[in-house]
Full PDB file with SEQRES, HELIX, SHEET, SSBOND, CRYST1, ORIGX, SCALE, CONECT and MASTER records, all heavy atoms in Angstrom:
SEQRES   1 A   33  MET ALA SER LYS TRP ASP ASP LEU GLU ARG TRP MET GLU          
SEQRES   2 A   33  ASN GLN GLN LEU PRO LYS GLY PHE GLU VAL LEU ARG GLU          
SEQRES   3 A   33  PRO ASP TRP VAL GLU ARG TYR                                  
HELIX    1 AA1 LYS A    4  GLU A   13  1                                  10    
HELIX    2 AA2 GLU A   22  ARG A   25  5                                   4    
HELIX    3 AA3 TRP A   29  ARG A   32  1                                   4    
CRYST1    1.000    1.000    1.000  90.00  90.00  90.00 P 1           1          
ORIGX1      1.000000  0.000000  0.000000        0.00000                         
ORIGX2      0.000000  1.000000  0.000000        0.00000                         
ORIGX3      0.000000  0.000000  1.000000        0.00000                         
SCALE1      1.000000  0.000000  0.000000        0.00000                         
SCALE2      0.000000  1.000000  0.000000        0.00000                         
SCALE3      0.000000  0.000000  1.000000        0.00000                         
ATOM      1  N   MET A   1      77.980  54.933   6.109  1.00  0.00           N  
ATOM      2  CA  MET A   1      79.072  54.034   6.475  1.00  0.00           C  
ATOM      3  C   MET A   1      80.226  54.852   7.047  1.00  0.00           C  
ATOM      4  O   MET A   1      80.639  55.835   6.476  1.00  0.00           O  
ATOM      5  CB  MET A   1      79.520  53.268   5.230  1.00  0.00           C  
ATOM      6  CG  MET A   1      80.615  52.302   5.491  1.00  0.00           C  
ATOM      7  SD  MET A   1      80.953  51.350   3.985  1.00  0.00           S  
ATOM      8  CE  MET A   1      82.285  50.403   4.564  1.00  0.00           C  
ATOM      9  N   ALA A   2      80.718  54.464   8.169  1.00  0.00           N  
ATOM     10  CA  ALA A   2      81.811  55.185   8.834  1.00  0.00           C  
ATOM     11  C   ALA A   2      83.127  54.890   8.126  1.00  0.00           C  
ATOM     12  O   ALA A   2      83.356  53.799   7.622  1.00  0.00           O  
ATOM     13  CB  ALA A   2      81.895  54.761  10.289  1.00  0.00           C  
ATOM     14  N   SER A   3      83.998  55.887   8.123  1.00  0.00           N  
ATOM     15  CA  SER A   3      85.309  55.699   7.504  1.00  0.00           C  
ATOM     16  C   SER A   3      86.224  54.941   8.458  1.00  0.00           C  
ATOM     17  O   SER A   3      85.950  54.813   9.650  1.00  0.00           O  
ATOM     18  CB  SER A   3      85.928  57.055   7.161  1.00  0.00           C  
ATOM     19  OG  SER A   3      86.332  57.708   8.348  1.00  0.00           O  
ATOM     20  N   LYS A   4      87.323  54.463   7.936  1.00  0.00           N  
ATOM     21  CA  LYS A   4      88.288  53.751   8.766  1.00  0.00           C  
ATOM     22  C   LYS A   4      88.888  54.692   9.807  1.00  0.00           C  
ATOM     23  O   LYS A   4      89.212  54.273  10.904  1.00  0.00           O  
ATOM     24  CB  LYS A   4      89.386  53.145   7.898  1.00  0.00           C  
ATOM     25  CG  LYS A   4      88.870  52.022   7.017  1.00  0.00           C  
ATOM     26  CD  LYS A   4      89.990  51.388   6.244  1.00  0.00           C  
ATOM     27  CE  LYS A   4      89.452  50.414   5.263  1.00  0.00           C  
ATOM     28  NZ  LYS A   4      89.528  49.050   5.648  1.00  0.00           N  
ATOM     29  N   TRP A   5      89.015  55.991   9.462  1.00  0.00           N  
ATOM     30  CA  TRP A   5      89.538  56.967  10.418  1.00  0.00           C  
ATOM     31  C   TRP A   5      88.583  57.101  11.603  1.00  0.00           C  
ATOM     32  O   TRP A   5      89.024  57.165  12.745  1.00  0.00           O  
ATOM     33  CB  TRP A   5      89.750  58.309   9.736  1.00  0.00           C  
ATOM     34  CG  TRP A   5      90.451  59.290  10.620  1.00  0.00           C  
ATOM     35  CD1 TRP A   5      89.898  60.325  11.289  1.00  0.00           C  
ATOM     36  CD2 TRP A   5      91.837  59.286  10.969  1.00  0.00           C  
ATOM     37  NE1 TRP A   5      90.838  60.979  12.026  1.00  0.00           N  
ATOM     38  CE2 TRP A   5      92.047  60.363  11.846  1.00  0.00           C  
ATOM     39  CE3 TRP A   5      92.921  58.488  10.635  1.00  0.00           C  
ATOM     40  CZ2 TRP A   5      93.286  60.655  12.382  1.00  0.00           C  
ATOM     41  CZ3 TRP A   5      94.153  58.792  11.171  1.00  0.00           C  
ATOM     42  CH2 TRP A   5      94.327  59.859  12.030  1.00  0.00           C  
ATOM     43  N   ASP A   6      87.257  57.172  11.325  1.00  0.00           N  
ATOM     44  CA  ASP A   6      86.268  57.257  12.404  1.00  0.00           C  
ATOM     45  C   ASP A   6      86.342  56.013  13.293  1.00  0.00           C  
ATOM     46  O   ASP A   6      86.246  56.116  14.517  1.00  0.00           O  
ATOM     47  CB  ASP A   6      84.852  57.399  11.835  1.00  0.00           C  
ATOM     48  CG  ASP A   6      84.630  58.747  11.171  1.00  0.00           C  
ATOM     49  OD1 ASP A   6      85.329  59.709  11.535  1.00  0.00           O  
ATOM     50  OD2 ASP A   6      83.761  58.819  10.284  1.00  0.00           O  
ATOM     51  N   ASP A   7      86.502  54.854  12.656  1.00  0.00           N  
ATOM     52  CA  ASP A   7      86.637  53.608  13.422  1.00  0.00           C  
ATOM     53  C   ASP A   7      87.869  53.658  14.324  1.00  0.00           C  
ATOM     54  O   ASP A   7      87.814  53.262  15.491  1.00  0.00           O  
ATOM     55  CB  ASP A   7      86.737  52.400  12.485  1.00  0.00           C  
ATOM     56  CG  ASP A   7      85.450  52.137  11.720  1.00  0.00           C  
ATOM     57  OD1 ASP A   7      84.388  52.635  12.160  1.00  0.00           O  
ATOM     58  OD2 ASP A   7      85.519  51.444  10.693  1.00  0.00           O  
ATOM     59  N   LEU A   8      88.972  54.176  13.786  1.00  0.00           N  
ATOM     60  CA  LEU A   8      90.201  54.280  14.568  1.00  0.00           C  
ATOM     61  C   LEU A   8      90.007  55.239  15.747  1.00  0.00           C  
ATOM     62  O   LEU A   8      90.428  54.945  16.867  1.00  0.00           O  
ATOM     63  CB  LEU A   8      91.358  54.751  13.689  1.00  0.00           C  
ATOM     64  CG  LEU A   8      92.690  54.973  14.414  1.00  0.00           C  
ATOM     65  CD1 LEU A   8      93.213  53.669  14.991  1.00  0.00           C  
ATOM     66  CD2 LEU A   8      93.708  55.595  13.480  1.00  0.00           C  
ATOM     67  N   GLU A   9      89.371  56.390  15.500  1.00  0.00           N  
ATOM     68  CA  GLU A   9      89.125  57.349  16.583  1.00  0.00           C  
ATOM     69  C   GLU A   9      88.259  56.731  17.687  1.00  0.00           C  
ATOM     70  O   GLU A   9      88.544  56.902  18.866  1.00  0.00           O  
ATOM     71  CB  GLU A   9      88.453  58.611  16.044  1.00  0.00           C  
ATOM     72  CG  GLU A   9      89.394  59.525  15.319  1.00  0.00           C  
ATOM     73  CD  GLU A   9      88.721  60.791  14.847  1.00  0.00           C  
ATOM     74  OE1 GLU A   9      87.463  60.844  14.790  1.00  0.00           O  
ATOM     75  OE2 GLU A   9      89.434  61.742  14.531  1.00  0.00           O  
ATOM     76  N   ARG A  10      87.206  56.028  17.298  1.00  0.00           N  
ATOM     77  CA  ARG A  10      86.341  55.373  18.282  1.00  0.00           C  
ATOM     78  C   ARG A  10      87.125  54.336  19.087  1.00  0.00           C  
ATOM     79  O   ARG A  10      86.997  54.237  20.294  1.00  0.00           O  
ATOM     80  CB  ARG A  10      85.154  54.710  17.584  1.00  0.00           C  
ATOM     81  CG  ARG A  10      83.858  55.451  17.769  1.00  0.00           C  
ATOM     82  CD  ARG A  10      82.656  54.674  17.291  1.00  0.00           C  
ATOM     83  NE  ARG A  10      82.782  54.065  15.983  1.00  0.00           N  
ATOM     84  CZ  ARG A  10      82.655  54.717  14.825  1.00  0.00           C  
ATOM     85  NH1 ARG A  10      82.395  55.991  14.825  1.00  0.00           N  
ATOM     86  NH2 ARG A  10      82.775  54.099  13.680  1.00  0.00           N  
ATOM     87  N   TRP A  11      87.943  53.564  18.403  1.00  0.00           N  
ATOM     88  CA  TRP A  11      88.739  52.549  19.071  1.00  0.00           C  
ATOM     89  C   TRP A  11      89.714  53.196  20.053  1.00  0.00           C  
ATOM     90  O   TRP A  11      89.861  52.744  21.179  1.00  0.00           O  
ATOM     91  CB  TRP A  11      89.491  51.721  18.029  1.00  0.00           C  
ATOM     92  CG  TRP A  11      90.345  50.647  18.623  1.00  0.00           C  
ATOM     93  CD1 TRP A  11      89.937  49.438  19.082  1.00  0.00           C  
ATOM     94  CD2 TRP A  11      91.757  50.705  18.852  1.00  0.00           C  
ATOM     95  NE1 TRP A  11      91.011  48.728  19.572  1.00  0.00           N  
ATOM     96  CE2 TRP A  11      92.142  49.487  19.432  1.00  0.00           C  
ATOM     97  CE3 TRP A  11      92.733  51.659  18.595  1.00  0.00           C  
ATOM     98  CZ2 TRP A  11      93.454  49.210  19.775  1.00  0.00           C  
ATOM     99  CZ3 TRP A  11      94.033  51.377  18.943  1.00  0.00           C  
ATOM    100  CH2 TRP A  11      94.382  50.167  19.529  1.00  0.00           C  
ATOM    101  N   MET A  12      90.382  54.304  19.627  1.00  0.00           N  
ATOM    102  CA  MET A  12      91.353  54.987  20.483  1.00  0.00           C  
ATOM    103  C   MET A  12      90.693  55.558  21.734  1.00  0.00           C  
ATOM    104  O   MET A  12      91.300  55.567  22.801  1.00  0.00           O  
ATOM    105  CB  MET A  12      92.055  56.117  19.723  1.00  0.00           C  
ATOM    106  CG  MET A  12      93.093  55.646  18.725  1.00  0.00           C  
ATOM    107  SD  MET A  12      94.476  54.800  19.483  1.00  0.00           S  
ATOM    108  CE  MET A  12      95.205  56.122  20.429  1.00  0.00           C  
ATOM    109  N   GLU A  13      89.452  56.047  21.617  1.00  0.00           N  
ATOM    110  CA  GLU A  13      88.760  56.620  22.764  1.00  0.00           C  
ATOM    111  C   GLU A  13      88.548  55.585  23.871  1.00  0.00           C  
ATOM    112  O   GLU A  13      88.507  55.931  25.043  1.00  0.00           O  
ATOM    113  CB  GLU A  13      87.414  57.202  22.343  1.00  0.00           C  
ATOM    114  CG  GLU A  13      87.538  58.483  21.552  1.00  0.00           C  
ATOM    115  CD  GLU A  13      86.210  58.972  21.020  1.00  0.00           C  
ATOM    116  OE1 GLU A  13      85.171  58.300  21.243  1.00  0.00           O  
ATOM    117  OE2 GLU A  13      86.206  60.017  20.373  1.00  0.00           O  
ATOM    118  N   ASN A  14      88.425  54.327  23.497  1.00  0.00           N  
ATOM    119  CA  ASN A  14      88.138  53.281  24.477  1.00  0.00           C  
ATOM    120  C   ASN A  14      89.374  52.564  24.998  1.00  0.00           C  
ATOM    121  O   ASN A  14      89.262  51.659  25.819  1.00  0.00           O  
ATOM    122  CB  ASN A  14      87.181  52.257  23.865  1.00  0.00           C  
ATOM    123  CG  ASN A  14      85.852  52.874  23.532  1.00  0.00           C  
ATOM    124  OD1 ASN A  14      85.362  53.718  24.265  1.00  0.00           O  
ATOM    125  ND2 ASN A  14      85.267  52.474  22.412  1.00  0.00           N  
ATOM    126  N   GLN A  15      90.544  52.948  24.529  1.00  0.00           N  
ATOM    127  CA  GLN A  15      91.768  52.260  24.927  1.00  0.00           C  
ATOM    128  C   GLN A  15      92.331  52.819  26.227  1.00  0.00           C  
ATOM    129  O   GLN A  15      92.252  54.009  26.495  1.00  0.00           O  
ATOM    130  CB  GLN A  15      92.829  52.372  23.832  1.00  0.00           C  
ATOM    131  CG  GLN A  15      92.434  51.681  22.541  1.00  0.00           C  
ATOM    132  CD  GLN A  15      92.059  50.235  22.769  1.00  0.00           C  
ATOM    133  OE1 GLN A  15      92.830  49.458  23.297  1.00  0.00           O  
ATOM    134  NE2 GLN A  15      90.851  49.878  22.373  1.00  0.00           N  
ATOM    135  N   GLN A  16      92.890  51.948  27.024  1.00  0.00           N  
ATOM    136  CA  GLN A  16      93.627  52.344  28.218  1.00  0.00           C  
ATOM    137  C   GLN A  16      95.086  52.467  27.801  1.00  0.00           C  
ATOM    138  O   GLN A  16      95.800  51.473  27.710  1.00  0.00           O  
ATOM    139  CB  GLN A  16      93.461  51.283  29.324  1.00  0.00           C  
ATOM    140  CG  GLN A  16      92.057  51.115  29.814  1.00  0.00           C  
ATOM    141  CD  GLN A  16      91.557  52.381  30.506  1.00  0.00           C  
ATOM    142  OE1 GLN A  16      92.293  53.077  31.163  1.00  0.00           O  
ATOM    143  NE2 GLN A  16      90.275  52.668  30.328  1.00  0.00           N  
ATOM    144  N   LEU A  17      95.502  53.675  27.509  1.00  0.00           N  
ATOM    145  CA  LEU A  17      96.860  53.886  27.011  1.00  0.00           C  
ATOM    146  C   LEU A  17      97.856  53.951  28.165  1.00  0.00           C  
ATOM    147  O   LEU A  17      97.542  54.448  29.242  1.00  0.00           O  
ATOM    148  CB  LEU A  17      96.920  55.195  26.220  1.00  0.00           C  
ATOM    149  CG  LEU A  17      96.051  55.236  24.966  1.00  0.00           C  
ATOM    150  CD1 LEU A  17      96.063  56.629  24.374  1.00  0.00           C  
ATOM    151  CD2 LEU A  17      96.536  54.235  23.945  1.00  0.00           C  
ATOM    152  N   PRO A  18      99.073  53.454  27.923  1.00  0.00           N  
ATOM    153  CA  PRO A  18     100.107  53.554  28.950  1.00  0.00           C  
ATOM    154  C   PRO A  18     100.430  55.017  29.235  1.00  0.00           C  
ATOM    155  O   PRO A  18     100.204  55.882  28.400  1.00  0.00           O  
ATOM    156  CB  PRO A  18     101.323  52.851  28.329  1.00  0.00           C  
ATOM    157  CG  PRO A  18     100.821  52.148  27.133  1.00  0.00           C  
ATOM    158  CD  PRO A  18      99.525  52.767  26.740  1.00  0.00           C  
ATOM    159  N   LYS A  19     100.966  55.282  30.393  1.00  0.00           N  
ATOM    160  CA  LYS A  19     101.319  56.650  30.772  1.00  0.00           C  
ATOM    161  C   LYS A  19     102.261  57.251  29.730  1.00  0.00           C  
ATOM    162  O   LYS A  19     103.214  56.611  29.309  1.00  0.00           O  
ATOM    163  CB  LYS A  19     101.981  56.659  32.146  1.00  0.00           C  
ATOM    164  CG  LYS A  19     102.262  58.033  32.658  1.00  0.00           C  
ATOM    165  CD  LYS A  19     102.815  58.009  34.054  1.00  0.00           C  
ATOM    166  CE  LYS A  19     103.042  59.431  34.528  1.00  0.00           C  
ATOM    167  NZ  LYS A  19     103.588  59.476  35.852  1.00  0.00           N  
ATOM    168  N   GLY A  20     101.975  58.464  29.316  1.00  0.00           N  
ATOM    169  CA  GLY A  20     102.794  59.138  28.318  1.00  0.00           C  
ATOM    170  C   GLY A  20     102.257  59.016  26.903  1.00  0.00           C  
ATOM    171  O   GLY A  20     102.673  59.732  26.015  1.00  0.00           O  
ATOM    172  N   PHE A  21     101.313  58.114  26.663  1.00  0.00           N  
ATOM    173  CA  PHE A  21     100.768  57.922  25.331  1.00  0.00           C  
ATOM    174  C   PHE A  21      99.424  58.629  25.144  1.00  0.00           C  
ATOM    175  O   PHE A  21      98.786  58.479  24.123  1.00  0.00           O  
ATOM    176  CB  PHE A  21     100.615  56.430  25.017  1.00  0.00           C  
ATOM    177  CG  PHE A  21     101.910  55.773  24.677  1.00  0.00           C  
ATOM    178  CD1 PHE A  21     102.738  55.287  25.682  1.00  0.00           C  
ATOM    179  CD2 PHE A  21     102.327  55.654  23.368  1.00  0.00           C  
ATOM    180  CE1 PHE A  21     103.944  54.690  25.384  1.00  0.00           C  
ATOM    181  CE2 PHE A  21     103.533  55.055  23.053  1.00  0.00           C  
ATOM    182  CZ  PHE A  21     104.349  54.570  24.065  1.00  0.00           C  
ATOM    183  N   GLU A  22      98.993  59.403  26.163  1.00  0.00           N  
ATOM    184  CA  GLU A  22      97.727  60.124  26.054  1.00  0.00           C  
ATOM    185  C   GLU A  22      97.740  61.103  24.891  1.00  0.00           C  
ATOM    186  O   GLU A  22      96.704  61.481  24.371  1.00  0.00           O  
ATOM    187  CB  GLU A  22      97.401  60.881  27.353  1.00  0.00           C  
ATOM    188  CG  GLU A  22      97.213  60.004  28.553  1.00  0.00           C  
ATOM    189  CD  GLU A  22      98.531  59.668  29.242  1.00  0.00           C  
ATOM    190  OE1 GLU A  22      99.550  60.323  28.997  1.00  0.00           O  
ATOM    191  OE2 GLU A  22      98.525  58.718  30.029  1.00  0.00           O  
ATOM    192  N   VAL A  23      98.931  61.531  24.490  1.00  0.00           N  
ATOM    193  CA  VAL A  23      99.075  62.487  23.396  1.00  0.00           C  
ATOM    194  C   VAL A  23      98.442  61.952  22.108  1.00  0.00           C  
ATOM    195  O   VAL A  23      98.018  62.717  21.247  1.00  0.00           O  
ATOM    196  CB  VAL A  23     100.568  62.854  23.186  1.00  0.00           C  
ATOM    197  CG1 VAL A  23     101.336  61.692  22.590  1.00  0.00           C  
ATOM    198  CG2 VAL A  23     100.703  64.075  22.303  1.00  0.00           C  
ATOM    199  N   LEU A  24      98.364  60.636  21.979  1.00  0.00           N  
ATOM    200  CA  LEU A  24      97.782  60.046  20.772  1.00  0.00           C  
ATOM    201  C   LEU A  24      96.295  60.372  20.632  1.00  0.00           C  
ATOM    202  O   LEU A  24      95.740  60.265  19.554  1.00  0.00           O  
ATOM    203  CB  LEU A  24      97.978  58.527  20.774  1.00  0.00           C  
ATOM    204  CG  LEU A  24      99.425  58.047  20.726  1.00  0.00           C  
ATOM    205  CD1 LEU A  24      99.481  56.538  20.841  1.00  0.00           C  
ATOM    206  CD2 LEU A  24     100.104  58.523  19.464  1.00  0.00           C  
ATOM    207  N   ARG A  25      95.659  60.796  21.713  1.00  0.00           N  
ATOM    208  CA  ARG A  25      94.242  61.167  21.646  1.00  0.00           C  
ATOM    209  C   ARG A  25      94.043  62.575  21.078  1.00  0.00           C  
ATOM    210  O   ARG A  25      92.952  62.933  20.703  1.00  0.00           O  
ATOM    211  CB  ARG A  25      93.616  61.100  23.030  1.00  0.00           C  
ATOM    212  CG  ARG A  25      93.541  59.713  23.603  1.00  0.00           C  
ATOM    213  CD  ARG A  25      92.681  59.728  24.857  1.00  0.00           C  
ATOM    214  NE  ARG A  25      92.917  58.589  25.709  1.00  0.00           N  
ATOM    215  CZ  ARG A  25      92.373  57.391  25.527  1.00  0.00           C  
ATOM    216  NH1 ARG A  25      91.568  57.179  24.543  1.00  0.00           N  
ATOM    217  NH2 ARG A  25      92.645  56.412  26.366  1.00  0.00           N  
ATOM    218  N   GLU A  26      95.096  63.379  21.036  1.00  0.00           N  
ATOM    219  CA  GLU A  26      94.989  64.748  20.544  1.00  0.00           C  
ATOM    220  C   GLU A  26      95.088  64.758  19.021  1.00  0.00           C  
ATOM    221  O   GLU A  26      95.991  64.164  18.449  1.00  0.00           O  
ATOM    222  CB  GLU A  26      96.097  65.610  21.135  1.00  0.00           C  
ATOM    223  CG  GLU A  26      96.024  65.726  22.634  1.00  0.00           C  
ATOM    224  CD  GLU A  26      97.173  66.526  23.205  1.00  0.00           C  
ATOM    225  OE1 GLU A  26      97.710  67.391  22.495  1.00  0.00           O  
ATOM    226  OE2 GLU A  26      97.525  66.268  24.354  1.00  0.00           O  
ATOM    227  N   PRO A  27      94.166  65.464  18.353  1.00  0.00           N  
ATOM    228  CA  PRO A  27      94.142  65.428  16.893  1.00  0.00           C  
ATOM    229  C   PRO A  27      95.334  66.092  16.223  1.00  0.00           C  
ATOM    230  O   PRO A  27      95.687  65.742  15.100  1.00  0.00           O  
ATOM    231  CB  PRO A  27      92.846  66.155  16.530  1.00  0.00           C  
ATOM    232  CG  PRO A  27      92.502  66.958  17.724  1.00  0.00           C  
ATOM    233  CD  PRO A  27      93.067  66.246  18.904  1.00  0.00           C  
ATOM    234  N   ASP A  28      96.004  67.030  16.888  1.00  0.00           N  
ATOM    235  CA  ASP A  28      97.104  67.726  16.232  1.00  0.00           C  
ATOM    236  C   ASP A  28      98.483  67.231  16.663  1.00  0.00           C  
ATOM    237  O   ASP A  28      99.485  67.866  16.416  1.00  0.00           O  
ATOM    238  CB  ASP A  28      96.989  69.228  16.461  1.00  0.00           C  
ATOM    239  CG  ASP A  28      96.997  69.599  17.921  1.00  0.00           C  
ATOM    240  OD1 ASP A  28      96.814  68.702  18.769  1.00  0.00           O  
ATOM    241  OD2 ASP A  28      97.177  70.787  18.222  1.00  0.00           O  
ATOM    242  N   TRP A  29      98.562  66.051  17.272  1.00  0.00           N  
ATOM    243  CA  TRP A  29      99.840  65.548  17.751  1.00  0.00           C  
ATOM    244  C   TRP A  29     100.802  65.254  16.607  1.00  0.00           C  
ATOM    245  O   TRP A  29     102.003  65.449  16.732  1.00  0.00           O  
ATOM    246  CB  TRP A  29      99.678  64.335  18.657  1.00  0.00           C  
ATOM    247  CG  TRP A  29      99.277  63.078  17.952  1.00  0.00           C  
ATOM    248  CD1 TRP A  29      98.024  62.670  17.645  1.00  0.00           C  
ATOM    249  CD2 TRP A  29     100.154  62.069  17.430  1.00  0.00           C  
ATOM    250  NE1 TRP A  29      98.050  61.479  16.982  1.00  0.00           N  
ATOM    251  CE2 TRP A  29      99.352  61.083  16.831  1.00  0.00           C  
ATOM    252  CE3 TRP A  29     101.524  61.909  17.414  1.00  0.00           C  
ATOM    253  CZ2 TRP A  29      99.887  59.963  16.225  1.00  0.00           C  
ATOM    254  CZ3 TRP A  29     102.064  60.784  16.814  1.00  0.00           C  
ATOM    255  CH2 TRP A  29     101.239  59.826  16.226  1.00  0.00           C  
ATOM    256  N   VAL A  30     100.297  64.789  15.478  1.00  0.00           N  
ATOM    257  CA  VAL A  30     101.170  64.485  14.342  1.00  0.00           C  
ATOM    258  C   VAL A  30     101.829  65.769  13.843  1.00  0.00           C  
ATOM    259  O   VAL A  30     103.034  65.809  13.601  1.00  0.00           O  
ATOM    260  CB  VAL A  30     100.387  63.805  13.193  1.00  0.00           C  
ATOM    261  CG1 VAL A  30     101.254  63.660  11.959  1.00  0.00           C  
ATOM    262  CG2 VAL A  30      99.880  62.437  13.626  1.00  0.00           C  
ATOM    263  N   GLU A  31     101.030  66.817  13.716  1.00  0.00           N  
ATOM    264  CA  GLU A  31     101.566  68.092  13.230  1.00  0.00           C  
ATOM    265  C   GLU A  31     102.656  68.616  14.168  1.00  0.00           C  
ATOM    266  O   GLU A  31     103.714  69.055  13.735  1.00  0.00           O  
ATOM    267  CB  GLU A  31     100.451  69.121  13.101  1.00  0.00           C  
ATOM    268  CG  GLU A  31     100.938  70.449  12.588  1.00  0.00           C  
ATOM    269  CD  GLU A  31      99.831  71.463  12.492  1.00  0.00           C  
ATOM    270  OE1 GLU A  31      98.661  71.121  12.719  1.00  0.00           O  
ATOM    271  OE2 GLU A  31     100.164  72.625  12.201  1.00  0.00           O  
ATOM    272  N   ARG A  32     102.403  68.567  15.473  1.00  0.00           N  
ATOM    273  CA  ARG A  32     103.396  69.039  16.437  1.00  0.00           C  
ATOM    274  C   ARG A  32     104.665  68.184  16.372  1.00  0.00           C  
ATOM    275  O   ARG A  32     105.774  68.707  16.444  1.00  0.00           O  
ATOM    276  CB  ARG A  32     102.814  69.026  17.842  1.00  0.00           C  
ATOM    277  CG  ARG A  32     101.813  70.125  18.083  1.00  0.00           C  
ATOM    278  CD  ARG A  32     101.508  70.318  19.563  1.00  0.00           C  
ATOM    279  NE  ARG A  32     101.360  69.090  20.309  1.00  0.00           N  
ATOM    280  CZ  ARG A  32     100.189  68.491  20.556  1.00  0.00           C  
ATOM    281  NH1 ARG A  32      99.073  69.031  20.124  1.00  0.00           N  
ATOM    282  NH2 ARG A  32     100.138  67.379  21.240  1.00  0.00           N  
ATOM    283  N   TYR A  33     104.491  66.871  16.220  1.00  0.00           N  
ATOM    284  CA  TYR A  33     105.642  65.979  16.150  1.00  0.00           C  
ATOM    285  C   TYR A  33     106.495  66.283  14.915  1.00  0.00           C  
ATOM    286  O   TYR A  33     107.715  66.405  15.003  1.00  0.00           O  
ATOM    287  CB  TYR A  33     105.171  64.522  16.133  1.00  0.00           C  
ATOM    288  CG  TYR A  33     106.306  63.531  15.990  1.00  0.00           C  
ATOM    289  CD1 TYR A  33     107.096  63.202  17.083  1.00  0.00           C  
ATOM    290  CD2 TYR A  33     106.590  62.945  14.761  1.00  0.00           C  
ATOM    291  CE1 TYR A  33     108.150  62.308  16.960  1.00  0.00           C  
ATOM    292  CE2 TYR A  33     107.641  62.051  14.634  1.00  0.00           C  
ATOM    293  CZ  TYR A  33     108.410  61.733  15.730  1.00  0.00           C  
ATOM    294  OH  TYR A  33     109.449  60.860  15.594  1.00  0.00           O  
TER     295      TYR A  33                                                      
MASTER        0    0    0    3    0    0    0    6  294    1    0    3          
END                                                                             
C-alpha cells in the first residue's frame, strides 16, 4: 500500500504548476526555505 506522501508525489508530478512554482517538485525545497 502506498503512503500518502507517495500519493502526493505522484499527484505533483502530473500537475501543471504556474510559473515560479516548479520549486515544489524539488525534494529539498522545504529545507532551503
